[in-house]
Amino acid sequence: MQYDAKNPEEYLELLEDDWRKEKLLAIRQMIITYAPELEEVIRYKMLNYGKEDYILALNAQKHYVSLYVGTIDKVENAETLLAGYNYGKKVAFASKSR
């Protein structure tokens, strides 16, 4: 789903209070905890984390929560971490199911 938010706070307010918001907030907290140096902004109508370019993007879709990795080379041990996940050209992975 696309949320027309101007900043991360507004994005979070627009999310419905359901399992997707719960999962998104848990992933968001991990990003903030393990990479506090990354700036959180809205790009492409979703949460983006990085400095000059995005490293991660996070979005609540209709039936799942997506975590996109901008450059897979920036993720240590990526192949092991992504085992069992679907990933394509620009999208590093999206959860298979809840």
N, C-alpha and C. Protein backbone atom coordinates (compact mmCIF):
# COMPACT_ATOMS: atom_id res chain seq x y z
N MET A 1 0.85 -1.18 0.00
CA MET A 1 0.00 0.00 0.00
C MET A 1 0.89 1.23 0.00
N GLN A 2 0.36 2.30 -0.54
CA GLN A 2 1.10 3.54 -0.54
C GLN A 2 0.47 4.53 0.43
N TYR A 3 1.33 5.15 1.21
CA TYR A 3 0.87 6.12 2.19
C TYR A 3 1.46 7.47 1.79
N ASP A 4 0.61 8.46 1.65
CA ASP A 4 1.05 9.78 1.23
C ASP A 4 1.45 10.60 2.44
N ALA A 5 2.59 10.24 3.04
CA ALA A 5 3.07 10.91 4.25
C ALA A 5 4.26 11.80 3.91
N LYS A 6 4.40 12.86 4.67
CA LYS A 6 5.50 13.80 4.46
C LYS A 6 6.72 13.49 5.31
N ASN A 7 6.51 12.74 6.41
CA ASN A 7 7.61 12.40 7.30
C ASN A 7 7.32 11.06 7.98
N PRO A 8 8.31 10.45 8.62
CA PRO A 8 8.10 9.14 9.25
C PRO A 8 6.99 9.13 10.30
N GLU A 9 6.86 10.18 11.08
CA GLU A 9 5.83 10.23 12.11
C GLU A 9 4.44 10.16 11.48
N GLU A 10 4.24 10.90 10.41
CA GLU A 10 2.95 10.90 9.71
C GLU A 10 2.69 9.53 9.08
N TYR A 11 3.72 8.91 8.53
CA TYR A 11 3.60 7.57 7.94
C TYR A 11 3.08 6.59 9.00
N LEU A 12 3.70 6.60 10.16
CA LEU A 12 3.30 5.67 11.23
C LEU A 12 1.87 5.93 11.70
N GLU A 13 1.46 7.19 11.71
CA GLU A 13 0.08 7.53 12.10
C GLU A 13 -0.93 7.02 11.09
N LEU A 14 -0.55 6.95 9.82
CA LEU A 14 -1.47 6.51 8.76
C LEU A 14 -1.67 4.99 8.74
N LEU A 15 -0.77 4.24 9.34
CA LEU A 15 -0.89 2.79 9.35
C LEU A 15 -2.08 2.35 10.20
N GLU A 16 -2.78 1.32 9.71
CA GLU A 16 -3.87 0.77 10.50
C GLU A 16 -3.29 0.01 11.69
N ASP A 17 -4.01 -0.02 12.80
CA ASP A 17 -3.56 -0.75 13.98
C ASP A 17 -3.88 -2.23 13.82
N ASP A 18 -3.02 -2.93 13.10
CA ASP A 18 -3.19 -4.36 12.92
C ASP A 18 -1.83 -5.05 12.98
N TRP A 19 -1.77 -6.31 12.59
CA TRP A 19 -0.52 -7.08 12.68
C TRP A 19 0.59 -6.48 11.83
N ARG A 20 0.23 -5.81 10.71
CA ARG A 20 1.25 -5.21 9.84
C ARG A 20 1.98 -4.07 10.55
N LYS A 21 1.23 -3.24 11.26
CA LYS A 21 1.86 -2.14 12.01
C LYS A 21 2.76 -2.70 13.09
N GLU A 22 2.29 -3.73 13.78
CA GLU A 22 3.09 -4.37 14.83
C GLU A 22 4.41 -4.90 14.27
N LYS A 23 4.36 -5.60 13.14
CA LYS A 23 5.57 -6.16 12.52
C LYS A 23 6.49 -5.04 12.02
N LEU A 24 5.91 -4.05 11.38
CA LEU A 24 6.70 -2.94 10.86
C LEU A 24 7.42 -2.22 12.00
N LEU A 25 6.73 -1.97 13.10
CA LEU A 25 7.35 -1.29 14.24
C LEU A 25 8.47 -2.13 14.85
N ALA A 26 8.32 -3.45 14.87
CA ALA A 26 9.38 -4.32 15.39
C ALA A 26 10.62 -4.26 14.51
N ILE A 27 10.43 -4.30 13.20
CA ILE A 27 11.56 -4.21 12.27
C ILE A 27 12.20 -2.83 12.35
N ARG A 28 11.36 -1.80 12.42
CA ARG A 28 11.86 -0.42 12.54
C ARG A 28 12.73 -0.28 13.78
N GLN A 29 12.29 -0.85 14.90
CA GLN A 29 13.07 -0.75 16.14
C GLN A 29 14.41 -1.45 16.00
N MET A 30 14.45 -2.59 15.30
CA MET A 30 15.74 -3.27 15.08
C MET A 30 16.68 -2.39 14.25
N ILE A 31 16.15 -1.75 13.22
CA ILE A 31 16.98 -0.87 12.39
C ILE A 31 17.53 0.27 13.24
N ILE A 32 16.68 0.90 14.02
CA ILE A 32 17.11 2.03 14.86
C ILE A 32 18.13 1.57 15.90
N THR A 33 17.94 0.38 16.46
CA THR A 33 18.85 -0.14 17.48
C THR A 33 20.22 -0.50 16.89
N TYR A 34 20.23 -1.21 15.77
CA TYR A 34 21.48 -1.70 15.21
C TYR A 34 22.17 -0.74 14.24
N ALA A 35 21.45 0.26 13.77
CA ALA A 35 22.05 1.23 12.85
C ALA A 35 21.54 2.64 13.16
N PRO A 36 21.83 3.14 14.36
CA PRO A 36 21.31 4.45 14.75
C PRO A 36 21.84 5.60 13.90
N GLU A 37 22.92 5.37 13.17
CA GLU A 37 23.50 6.42 12.33
C GLU A 37 22.69 6.66 11.05
N LEU A 38 21.78 5.74 10.71
CA LEU A 38 20.99 5.90 9.49
C LEU A 38 19.86 6.90 9.71
N GLU A 39 19.69 7.78 8.75
CA GLU A 39 18.62 8.77 8.79
C GLU A 39 17.32 8.12 8.32
N GLU A 40 16.22 8.37 9.02
CA GLU A 40 14.91 7.83 8.64
C GLU A 40 14.13 8.93 7.92
N VAL A 41 13.76 8.67 6.66
CA VAL A 41 13.02 9.64 5.85
C VAL A 41 11.96 8.91 5.04
N ILE A 42 11.11 9.67 4.39
CA ILE A 42 10.12 9.11 3.46
C ILE A 42 10.65 9.29 2.05
N ARG A 43 10.75 8.18 1.32
CA ARG A 43 11.08 8.18 -0.12
C ARG A 43 10.22 7.10 -0.75
N TYR A 44 9.71 7.38 -1.94
CA TYR A 44 8.87 6.40 -2.64
C TYR A 44 7.68 5.96 -1.79
N LYS A 45 7.17 6.89 -0.98
CA LYS A 45 5.98 6.68 -0.13
C LYS A 45 6.15 5.57 0.89
N MET A 46 7.40 5.37 1.36
CA MET A 46 7.66 4.40 2.43
C MET A 46 8.84 4.88 3.26
N LEU A 47 9.07 4.22 4.41
CA LEU A 47 10.20 4.57 5.26
C LEU A 47 11.49 4.14 4.59
N ASN A 48 12.47 5.04 4.58
CA ASN A 48 13.78 4.75 4.01
C ASN A 48 14.84 5.10 5.03
N TYR A 49 15.91 4.31 5.02
CA TYR A 49 17.00 4.49 5.97
C TYR A 49 18.31 4.56 5.21
N GLY A 50 19.11 5.57 5.51
CA GLY A 50 20.40 5.72 4.86
C GLY A 50 20.97 7.09 5.12
N LYS A 51 21.93 7.43 4.28
CA LYS A 51 22.52 8.76 4.34
C LYS A 51 22.30 9.41 2.98
N GLU A 52 23.29 9.36 2.07
CA GLU A 52 23.10 9.94 0.74
C GLU A 52 22.12 9.10 -0.09
N ASP A 53 22.29 7.80 -0.07
CA ASP A 53 21.38 6.91 -0.77
C ASP A 53 20.73 5.99 0.26
N TYR A 54 19.67 5.30 -0.16
CA TYR A 54 19.00 4.46 0.82
C TYR A 54 19.69 3.11 0.94
N ILE A 55 19.74 2.61 2.13
CA ILE A 55 20.28 1.28 2.41
C ILE A 55 19.10 0.33 2.62
N LEU A 56 18.09 0.79 3.35
CA LEU A 56 16.92 -0.04 3.64
C LEU A 56 15.65 0.77 3.40
N ALA A 57 14.58 0.07 3.03
CA ALA A 57 13.26 0.68 2.95
C ALA A 57 12.27 -0.28 3.59
N LEU A 58 11.26 0.27 4.22
CA LEU A 58 10.31 -0.52 4.99
C LEU A 58 8.90 -0.04 4.65
N ASN A 59 7.99 -1.01 4.38
CA ASN A 59 6.64 -0.62 3.99
C ASN A 59 5.63 -1.69 4.39
N ALA A 60 4.45 -1.27 4.79
CA ALA A 60 3.34 -2.17 5.09
C ALA A 60 2.50 -2.31 3.83
N GLN A 61 2.50 -3.50 3.24
CA GLN A 61 1.68 -3.78 2.06
C GLN A 61 0.31 -4.28 2.52
N LYS A 62 -0.55 -4.63 1.58
CA LYS A 62 -1.90 -5.07 1.94
C LYS A 62 -1.88 -6.39 2.72
N HIS A 63 -1.01 -7.33 2.31
CA HIS A 63 -1.00 -8.66 2.93
C HIS A 63 0.33 -9.02 3.57
N TYR A 64 1.28 -8.11 3.59
CA TYR A 64 2.59 -8.41 4.15
C TYR A 64 3.36 -7.13 4.43
N VAL A 65 4.47 -7.27 5.14
CA VAL A 65 5.37 -6.16 5.41
C VAL A 65 6.64 -6.39 4.61
N SER A 66 7.11 -5.36 3.90
CA SER A 66 8.30 -5.49 3.06
C SER A 66 9.49 -4.76 3.67
N LEU A 67 10.64 -5.40 3.59
CA LEU A 67 11.91 -4.78 3.94
C LEU A 67 12.77 -4.89 2.70
N TYR A 68 13.11 -3.75 2.12
CA TYR A 68 13.91 -3.71 0.90
C TYR A 68 15.34 -3.32 1.27
N VAL A 69 16.30 -3.98 0.67
CA VAL A 69 17.71 -3.65 0.89
C VAL A 69 18.22 -3.04 -0.40
N GLY A 70 18.70 -1.79 -0.33
CA GLY A 70 19.16 -1.08 -1.52
C GLY A 70 20.39 -1.70 -2.14
N THR A 71 21.36 -2.07 -1.35
CA THR A 71 22.58 -2.68 -1.85
C THR A 71 22.87 -3.89 -0.99
N ILE A 72 22.68 -5.07 -1.54
CA ILE A 72 22.83 -6.31 -0.79
C ILE A 72 24.25 -6.46 -0.24
N ASP A 73 25.24 -5.86 -0.92
CA ASP A 73 26.63 -5.93 -0.47
C ASP A 73 26.83 -5.28 0.89
N LYS A 74 25.91 -4.43 1.31
CA LYS A 74 26.04 -3.75 2.60
C LYS A 74 25.53 -4.60 3.76
N VAL A 75 24.95 -5.76 3.44
CA VAL A 75 24.43 -6.65 4.48
C VAL A 75 25.40 -7.80 4.68
N GLU A 76 26.01 -7.85 5.87
CA GLU A 76 26.95 -8.92 6.18
C GLU A 76 26.22 -10.26 6.23
N ASN A 77 26.79 -11.29 5.59
CA ASN A 77 26.24 -12.64 5.62
C ASN A 77 24.85 -12.69 4.98
N ALA A 78 24.64 -11.91 3.91
CA ALA A 78 23.32 -11.75 3.30
C ALA A 78 22.71 -13.06 2.81
N GLU A 79 23.49 -13.89 2.14
CA GLU A 79 22.91 -15.13 1.59
C GLU A 79 22.34 -16.03 2.68
N THR A 80 23.01 -16.10 3.80
CA THR A 80 22.52 -16.91 4.91
C THR A 80 21.27 -16.27 5.51
N LEU A 81 21.31 -14.97 5.72
CA LEU A 81 20.16 -14.27 6.31
C LEU A 81 18.92 -14.34 5.42
N LEU A 82 19.14 -14.37 4.09
CA LEU A 82 18.02 -14.32 3.16
C LEU A 82 17.55 -15.69 2.69
N ALA A 83 18.12 -16.74 3.23
CA ALA A 83 17.72 -18.09 2.84
C ALA A 83 16.22 -18.27 3.08
N GLY A 84 15.50 -18.71 2.06
CA GLY A 84 14.07 -18.93 2.19
C GLY A 84 13.21 -17.72 1.87
N TYR A 85 13.84 -16.59 1.51
CA TYR A 85 13.08 -15.39 1.18
C TYR A 85 13.14 -15.14 -0.32
N ASN A 86 12.13 -14.45 -0.81
CA ASN A 86 12.04 -14.09 -2.21
C ASN A 86 12.76 -12.76 -2.42
N TYR A 87 13.73 -12.73 -3.31
CA TYR A 87 14.35 -11.45 -3.63
C TYR A 87 14.67 -11.36 -5.11
N GLY A 88 14.53 -10.14 -5.64
CA GLY A 88 14.69 -9.91 -7.08
C GLY A 88 15.76 -8.88 -7.35
N LYS A 89 15.65 -8.18 -8.51
CA LYS A 89 16.69 -7.26 -8.95
C LYS A 89 17.02 -6.19 -7.91
N LYS A 90 16.04 -5.38 -7.55
CA LYS A 90 16.29 -4.29 -6.62
C LYS A 90 15.80 -4.60 -5.22
N VAL A 91 14.92 -5.54 -5.10
CA VAL A 91 14.36 -5.88 -3.80
C VAL A 91 15.17 -7.01 -3.20
N ALA A 92 15.72 -6.80 -2.04
CA ALA A 92 16.52 -7.83 -1.41
C ALA A 92 15.65 -8.94 -0.85
N PHE A 93 14.60 -8.59 -0.13
CA PHE A 93 13.67 -9.62 0.32
C PHE A 93 12.38 -9.04 0.84
N ALA A 94 11.37 -9.85 0.74
CA ALA A 94 10.07 -9.53 1.32
C ALA A 94 9.58 -10.79 2.01
N SER A 95 9.00 -10.64 3.13
CA SER A 95 8.56 -11.80 3.90
C SER A 95 7.59 -12.66 3.12
N LYS A 96 7.75 -13.98 3.21
CA LYS A 96 6.88 -14.93 2.51
C LYS A 96 5.46 -14.88 3.07
N SER A 97 5.36 -14.75 4.36
CA SER A 97 4.05 -14.74 5.00
C SER A 97 4.17 -14.13 6.38
N ARG A 98 3.06 -14.08 7.08
CA ARG A 98 3.08 -13.54 8.44
C ARG A 98 3.84 -14.50 9.27
